[in-house]
Amino acid sequence: MVKTAARPSSDWADERRLFQCLYGSETPSQDQIAAVTLSNLINDETLPQFIWCAADDPVLNTADTINYVLKLQEQKLSIEFHMFKNGEHGLALGDYATANPGEGDVFHPLSLWPRLARNWMREL
């Protein structure tokens, strides 16, 4: 049996439809969850990866992201990982170009991630 992290809390009104699309069921089995869990899909063809997340993301479970990064490290794959303290889910660039209209504070420290990614790619 595959042990998975607790499902993150979500205020998505349409979570059942999301599960139906992702798992083919509104109540997925452990096997269905395991089949789409990224850390279970790492193999010899896994490419170098730049990964960032926000510690307070209300949608994604950051423990799953950390588990994925650790599994990539175990396989000695080329990775760069950044976890920012704050950030809503889906902030994209985290700057004025991708902000939602009407939000007061549109700059986030995580808006540095494109520059960090560019520097990482130059070293590949």
N, C-alpha and C. Protein backbone atom coordinates (compact mmCIF):
# COMPACT_ATOMS: atom_id res chain seq x y z
N MET A 1 0.84 -1.17 0.00
CA MET A 1 0.00 0.00 0.00
C MET A 1 0.89 1.25 0.00
N VAL A 2 0.56 2.21 -0.83
CA VAL A 2 1.32 3.44 -0.95
C VAL A 2 0.84 4.42 0.11
N LYS A 3 1.77 4.96 0.87
CA LYS A 3 1.42 5.96 1.87
C LYS A 3 1.51 7.32 1.21
N THR A 4 0.43 8.10 1.30
CA THR A 4 0.43 9.44 0.73
C THR A 4 0.13 10.45 1.82
N ALA A 5 0.56 11.67 1.59
CA ALA A 5 0.29 12.74 2.54
C ALA A 5 -1.20 13.05 2.54
N ALA A 6 -1.66 13.60 3.63
CA ALA A 6 -3.06 13.97 3.73
C ALA A 6 -3.42 14.94 2.61
N ARG A 7 -4.62 14.81 2.11
CA ARG A 7 -5.07 15.69 1.06
C ARG A 7 -5.15 17.11 1.59
N PRO A 8 -4.66 18.08 0.83
CA PRO A 8 -4.70 19.46 1.32
C PRO A 8 -6.13 19.96 1.43
N SER A 9 -6.34 20.87 2.36
CA SER A 9 -7.66 21.46 2.46
C SER A 9 -7.88 22.34 1.24
N SER A 10 -9.10 22.45 0.82
CA SER A 10 -9.39 23.20 -0.38
C SER A 10 -10.76 23.85 -0.26
N ASP A 11 -10.89 25.04 -0.80
CA ASP A 11 -12.20 25.66 -0.84
C ASP A 11 -12.77 25.61 -2.25
N TRP A 12 -12.23 24.73 -3.09
CA TRP A 12 -12.75 24.58 -4.44
C TRP A 12 -14.15 23.99 -4.37
N ALA A 13 -15.09 24.71 -4.93
CA ALA A 13 -16.47 24.23 -4.92
C ALA A 13 -16.63 23.00 -5.82
N ASP A 14 -15.72 22.84 -6.75
CA ASP A 14 -15.86 21.77 -7.74
C ASP A 14 -14.81 20.69 -7.56
N GLU A 15 -14.42 20.40 -6.33
CA GLU A 15 -13.39 19.41 -6.07
C GLU A 15 -13.76 18.03 -6.61
N ARG A 16 -15.03 17.67 -6.53
CA ARG A 16 -15.43 16.36 -7.02
C ARG A 16 -15.15 16.21 -8.51
N ARG A 17 -15.41 17.25 -9.28
CA ARG A 17 -15.15 17.18 -10.72
C ARG A 17 -13.65 17.12 -10.98
N LEU A 18 -12.86 17.83 -10.19
CA LEU A 18 -11.41 17.77 -10.31
C LEU A 18 -10.93 16.33 -10.08
N PHE A 19 -11.41 15.70 -9.03
CA PHE A 19 -11.03 14.31 -8.75
C PHE A 19 -11.47 13.40 -9.88
N GLN A 20 -12.65 13.62 -10.42
CA GLN A 20 -13.16 12.81 -11.51
C GLN A 20 -12.22 12.92 -12.72
N CYS A 21 -11.76 14.13 -13.03
CA CYS A 21 -10.85 14.32 -14.16
C CYS A 21 -9.48 13.72 -13.90
N LEU A 22 -8.95 13.91 -12.71
CA LEU A 22 -7.61 13.46 -12.39
C LEU A 22 -7.52 11.96 -12.16
N TYR A 23 -8.47 11.44 -11.40
CA TYR A 23 -8.41 10.03 -10.99
C TYR A 23 -9.41 9.13 -11.68
N GLY A 24 -10.41 9.72 -12.33
CA GLY A 24 -11.46 8.90 -12.92
C GLY A 24 -12.50 8.50 -11.90
N SER A 25 -12.45 9.11 -10.72
CA SER A 25 -13.37 8.77 -9.64
C SER A 25 -13.42 9.93 -8.65
N GLU A 26 -14.58 10.13 -8.05
CA GLU A 26 -14.69 11.16 -7.01
C GLU A 26 -14.07 10.69 -5.70
N THR A 27 -13.88 9.40 -5.57
CA THR A 27 -13.25 8.84 -4.37
C THR A 27 -12.15 7.88 -4.82
N PRO A 28 -10.98 8.44 -5.14
CA PRO A 28 -9.90 7.61 -5.69
C PRO A 28 -9.35 6.60 -4.69
N SER A 29 -8.93 5.49 -5.24
CA SER A 29 -8.27 4.46 -4.42
C SER A 29 -6.81 4.85 -4.22
N GLN A 30 -6.13 4.16 -3.32
CA GLN A 30 -4.69 4.40 -3.12
C GLN A 30 -3.91 4.13 -4.40
N ASP A 31 -4.31 3.12 -5.17
CA ASP A 31 -3.62 2.81 -6.43
C ASP A 31 -3.81 3.94 -7.46
N GLN A 32 -5.01 4.53 -7.51
CA GLN A 32 -5.25 5.63 -8.44
C GLN A 32 -4.41 6.85 -8.05
N ILE A 33 -4.32 7.11 -6.77
CA ILE A 33 -3.50 8.23 -6.29
C ILE A 33 -2.03 7.98 -6.60
N ALA A 34 -1.57 6.77 -6.34
CA ALA A 34 -0.17 6.42 -6.58
C ALA A 34 0.19 6.55 -8.06
N ALA A 35 -0.76 6.27 -8.94
CA ALA A 35 -0.49 6.30 -10.38
C ALA A 35 -0.19 7.71 -10.90
N VAL A 36 -0.62 8.74 -10.18
CA VAL A 36 -0.37 10.11 -10.63
C VAL A 36 0.51 10.90 -9.64
N THR A 37 1.05 10.22 -8.65
CA THR A 37 1.93 10.87 -7.69
C THR A 37 3.32 10.99 -8.31
N LEU A 38 3.78 12.22 -8.51
CA LEU A 38 5.03 12.46 -9.23
C LEU A 38 6.22 11.71 -8.65
N SER A 39 6.32 11.63 -7.34
CA SER A 39 7.48 10.96 -6.74
C SER A 39 7.53 9.48 -7.10
N ASN A 40 6.40 8.91 -7.51
CA ASN A 40 6.38 7.51 -7.94
C ASN A 40 6.74 7.35 -9.41
N LEU A 41 6.85 8.46 -10.13
CA LEU A 41 7.10 8.40 -11.57
C LEU A 41 8.53 8.74 -11.95
N ILE A 42 9.39 8.92 -10.97
CA ILE A 42 10.80 9.23 -11.23
C ILE A 42 11.49 8.00 -11.80
N ASN A 43 12.22 8.20 -12.90
CA ASN A 43 12.96 7.07 -13.49
C ASN A 43 14.21 7.60 -14.18
N ASP A 44 14.87 6.75 -14.94
CA ASP A 44 16.12 7.12 -15.62
C ASP A 44 15.94 8.22 -16.66
N GLU A 45 14.72 8.46 -17.10
CA GLU A 45 14.46 9.48 -18.11
C GLU A 45 14.00 10.80 -17.51
N THR A 46 13.95 10.90 -16.18
CA THR A 46 13.53 12.14 -15.53
C THR A 46 14.56 13.24 -15.79
N LEU A 47 14.08 14.36 -16.26
CA LEU A 47 14.94 15.47 -16.65
C LEU A 47 15.33 16.34 -15.46
N PRO A 48 16.39 17.16 -15.61
CA PRO A 48 16.73 18.13 -14.56
C PRO A 48 15.50 19.02 -14.28
N GLN A 49 15.37 19.46 -13.03
CA GLN A 49 14.17 20.19 -12.67
C GLN A 49 14.46 21.38 -11.78
N PHE A 50 13.74 22.47 -12.06
CA PHE A 50 13.70 23.65 -11.21
C PHE A 50 12.31 23.66 -10.59
N ILE A 51 12.25 23.69 -9.27
CA ILE A 51 10.98 23.57 -8.57
C ILE A 51 10.88 24.69 -7.54
N TRP A 52 9.72 25.33 -7.49
CA TRP A 52 9.47 26.30 -6.43
C TRP A 52 8.05 26.12 -5.95
N CYS A 53 7.83 26.52 -4.71
CA CYS A 53 6.49 26.49 -4.14
C CYS A 53 6.40 27.51 -3.03
N ALA A 54 5.21 27.73 -2.54
CA ALA A 54 4.98 28.62 -1.40
C ALA A 54 4.59 27.76 -0.21
N ALA A 55 5.21 28.03 0.93
CA ALA A 55 4.96 27.23 2.13
C ALA A 55 3.51 27.28 2.58
N ASP A 56 2.83 28.37 2.28
CA ASP A 56 1.44 28.50 2.73
C ASP A 56 0.42 28.27 1.61
N ASP A 57 0.82 27.61 0.54
CA ASP A 57 -0.10 27.32 -0.56
C ASP A 57 -1.32 26.59 -0.01
N PRO A 58 -2.52 27.14 -0.20
CA PRO A 58 -3.71 26.50 0.36
C PRO A 58 -4.23 25.33 -0.47
N VAL A 59 -3.66 25.10 -1.64
CA VAL A 59 -4.15 24.04 -2.52
C VAL A 59 -3.20 22.84 -2.53
N LEU A 60 -1.91 23.11 -2.71
CA LEU A 60 -0.94 22.01 -2.79
C LEU A 60 -0.34 21.72 -1.42
N ASN A 61 -0.10 20.48 -1.17
CA ASN A 61 0.53 20.05 0.08
C ASN A 61 2.04 20.15 -0.12
N THR A 62 2.69 21.09 0.55
CA THR A 62 4.13 21.28 0.37
C THR A 62 4.93 20.07 0.83
N ALA A 63 4.38 19.27 1.71
CA ALA A 63 5.07 18.04 2.13
C ALA A 63 5.24 17.11 0.92
N ASP A 64 4.26 17.09 0.03
CA ASP A 64 4.39 16.27 -1.19
C ASP A 64 5.51 16.81 -2.08
N THR A 65 5.62 18.14 -2.17
CA THR A 65 6.68 18.74 -2.98
C THR A 65 8.04 18.39 -2.40
N ILE A 66 8.17 18.51 -1.09
CA ILE A 66 9.44 18.17 -0.43
C ILE A 66 9.77 16.70 -0.63
N ASN A 67 8.78 15.84 -0.51
CA ASN A 67 9.00 14.40 -0.73
C ASN A 67 9.50 14.16 -2.16
N TYR A 68 8.92 14.85 -3.12
CA TYR A 68 9.35 14.72 -4.52
C TYR A 68 10.80 15.16 -4.69
N VAL A 69 11.15 16.30 -4.10
CA VAL A 69 12.52 16.81 -4.18
C VAL A 69 13.49 15.82 -3.55
N LEU A 70 13.13 15.27 -2.41
CA LEU A 70 14.01 14.29 -1.74
C LEU A 70 14.20 13.04 -2.60
N LYS A 71 13.14 12.59 -3.26
CA LYS A 71 13.27 11.42 -4.13
C LYS A 71 14.14 11.73 -5.34
N LEU A 72 14.05 12.95 -5.87
CA LEU A 72 14.93 13.34 -6.97
C LEU A 72 16.38 13.34 -6.50
N GLN A 73 16.61 13.84 -5.29
CA GLN A 73 17.97 13.85 -4.73
C GLN A 73 18.49 12.43 -4.55
N GLU A 74 17.65 11.54 -4.07
CA GLU A 74 18.06 10.14 -3.88
C GLU A 74 18.56 9.54 -5.19
N GLN A 75 17.94 9.95 -6.29
CA GLN A 75 18.33 9.44 -7.61
C GLN A 75 19.48 10.24 -8.21
N LYS A 76 19.99 11.21 -7.45
CA LYS A 76 21.11 12.05 -7.88
C LYS A 76 20.81 12.82 -9.16
N LEU A 77 19.55 13.29 -9.26
CA LEU A 77 19.14 14.07 -10.42
C LEU A 77 19.43 15.55 -10.18
N SER A 78 19.63 16.27 -11.27
CA SER A 78 19.93 17.69 -11.19
C SER A 78 18.65 18.46 -10.86
N ILE A 79 18.65 19.12 -9.69
CA ILE A 79 17.47 19.89 -9.28
C ILE A 79 17.90 21.18 -8.61
N GLU A 80 17.00 22.13 -8.65
CA GLU A 80 17.11 23.32 -7.81
C GLU A 80 15.72 23.53 -7.23
N PHE A 81 15.66 23.76 -5.92
CA PHE A 81 14.38 23.87 -5.21
C PHE A 81 14.37 25.12 -4.34
N HIS A 82 13.25 25.85 -4.42
CA HIS A 82 13.05 27.03 -3.58
C HIS A 82 11.66 26.97 -2.97
N MET A 83 11.58 27.19 -1.66
CA MET A 83 10.29 27.32 -1.01
C MET A 83 10.20 28.73 -0.44
N PHE A 84 9.22 29.46 -0.93
CA PHE A 84 8.99 30.82 -0.46
C PHE A 84 8.00 30.80 0.70
N LYS A 85 8.15 31.72 1.60
CA LYS A 85 7.31 31.75 2.82
C LYS A 85 5.84 31.94 2.48
N ASN A 86 5.53 32.88 1.62
CA ASN A 86 4.13 33.21 1.31
C ASN A 86 3.86 33.14 -0.18
N GLY A 87 2.63 32.88 -0.49
CA GLY A 87 2.20 32.89 -1.88
C GLY A 87 0.90 32.15 -2.06
N GLU A 88 0.02 32.76 -2.77
CA GLU A 88 -1.24 32.11 -3.08
C GLU A 88 -0.97 31.03 -4.14
N HIS A 89 -1.91 30.15 -4.30
CA HIS A 89 -1.78 29.15 -5.35
C HIS A 89 -2.00 29.84 -6.70
N GLY A 90 -1.17 29.50 -7.67
CA GLY A 90 -1.35 30.01 -9.02
C GLY A 90 -0.90 31.45 -9.20
N LEU A 91 0.12 31.90 -8.48
CA LEU A 91 0.61 33.27 -8.62
C LEU A 91 1.39 33.51 -9.90
N ALA A 92 1.68 32.46 -10.62
CA ALA A 92 2.43 32.57 -11.88
C ALA A 92 3.76 33.27 -11.65
N LEU A 93 3.94 34.46 -12.21
CA LEU A 93 5.20 35.19 -12.05
C LEU A 93 5.25 35.97 -10.73
N GLY A 94 4.10 36.15 -10.08
CA GLY A 94 4.06 36.87 -8.81
C GLY A 94 4.37 38.35 -8.94
N ASP A 95 4.07 38.91 -10.10
CA ASP A 95 4.37 40.32 -10.32
C ASP A 95 3.17 41.03 -10.95
N TYR A 96 3.35 42.27 -11.35
CA TYR A 96 2.26 43.05 -11.92
C TYR A 96 1.69 42.43 -13.19
N ALA A 97 2.52 41.76 -13.96
CA ALA A 97 2.07 41.19 -15.23
C ALA A 97 1.05 40.08 -15.03
N THR A 98 1.12 39.37 -13.92
CA THR A 98 0.23 38.23 -13.72
C THR A 98 -0.68 38.38 -12.51
N ALA A 99 -0.77 39.60 -11.95
CA ALA A 99 -1.59 39.83 -10.77
C ALA A 99 -3.07 39.86 -11.13
N ASN A 100 -3.89 39.52 -10.18
CA ASN A 100 -5.33 39.67 -10.35
C ASN A 100 -5.69 41.14 -10.19
N PRO A 101 -6.52 41.68 -11.08
CA PRO A 101 -6.90 43.10 -10.96
C PRO A 101 -7.56 43.36 -9.60
N GLY A 102 -7.26 44.51 -9.04
CA GLY A 102 -7.89 44.89 -7.79
C GLY A 102 -7.16 44.45 -6.54
N GLU A 103 -6.12 43.64 -6.67
CA GLU A 103 -5.37 43.23 -5.50
C GLU A 103 -4.39 44.33 -5.13
N GLY A 104 -4.26 44.58 -3.84
CA GLY A 104 -3.38 45.66 -3.40
C GLY A 104 -1.90 45.33 -3.55
N ASP A 105 -1.45 44.26 -2.94
CA ASP A 105 -0.04 43.92 -2.94
C ASP A 105 0.22 42.87 -4.01
N VAL A 106 0.76 43.29 -5.15
CA VAL A 106 0.97 42.34 -6.23
C VAL A 106 2.41 41.86 -6.32
N PHE A 107 3.33 42.48 -5.59
CA PHE A 107 4.70 41.99 -5.60
C PHE A 107 4.88 40.98 -4.49
N HIS A 108 5.48 39.89 -4.83
CA HIS A 108 5.78 38.85 -3.86
C HIS A 108 7.25 38.48 -4.01
N PRO A 109 7.92 38.13 -2.92
CA PRO A 109 9.31 37.69 -3.05
C PRO A 109 9.46 36.56 -4.05
N LEU A 110 8.41 35.75 -4.20
CA LEU A 110 8.54 34.64 -5.15
C LEU A 110 8.59 35.11 -6.59
N SER A 111 8.38 36.41 -6.83
CA SER A 111 8.51 36.92 -8.21
C SER A 111 9.96 36.84 -8.68
N LEU A 112 10.86 36.46 -7.80
CA LEU A 112 12.26 36.27 -8.18
C LEU A 112 12.50 34.93 -8.86
N TRP A 113 11.50 34.03 -8.82
CA TRP A 113 11.76 32.69 -9.32
C TRP A 113 12.16 32.64 -10.80
N PRO A 114 11.61 33.49 -11.70
CA PRO A 114 12.07 33.40 -13.10
C PRO A 114 13.57 33.70 -13.24
N ARG A 115 14.06 34.66 -12.47
CA ARG A 115 15.50 34.98 -12.52
C ARG A 115 16.32 33.82 -11.97
N LEU A 116 15.85 33.23 -10.87
CA LEU A 116 16.55 32.07 -10.31
C LEU A 116 16.57 30.92 -11.31
N ALA A 117 15.44 30.71 -11.99
CA ALA A 117 15.36 29.62 -12.98
C ALA A 117 16.31 29.89 -14.15
N ARG A 118 16.34 31.13 -14.60
CA ARG A 118 17.24 31.49 -15.71
C ARG A 118 18.69 31.20 -15.32
N ASN A 119 19.09 31.60 -14.13
CA ASN A 119 20.46 31.34 -13.68
C ASN A 119 20.74 29.84 -13.60
N TRP A 120 19.77 29.09 -13.12
CA TRP A 120 19.92 27.64 -13.03
C TRP A 120 20.09 27.02 -14.42
N MET A 121 19.29 27.47 -15.38
CA MET A 121 19.37 26.92 -16.74
C MET A 121 20.72 27.22 -17.40
N ARG A 122 21.27 28.36 -17.08
CA ARG A 122 22.59 28.71 -17.64
C ARG A 122 23.67 27.76 -17.16
N GLU A 123 23.48 27.14 -16.00
CA GLU A 123 24.48 26.24 -15.45
C GLU A 123 24.31 24.80 -15.93
N LEU A 124 23.23 24.52 -16.63
CA LEU A 124 23.01 23.14 -17.09
C LEU A 124 24.01 22.74 -18.16
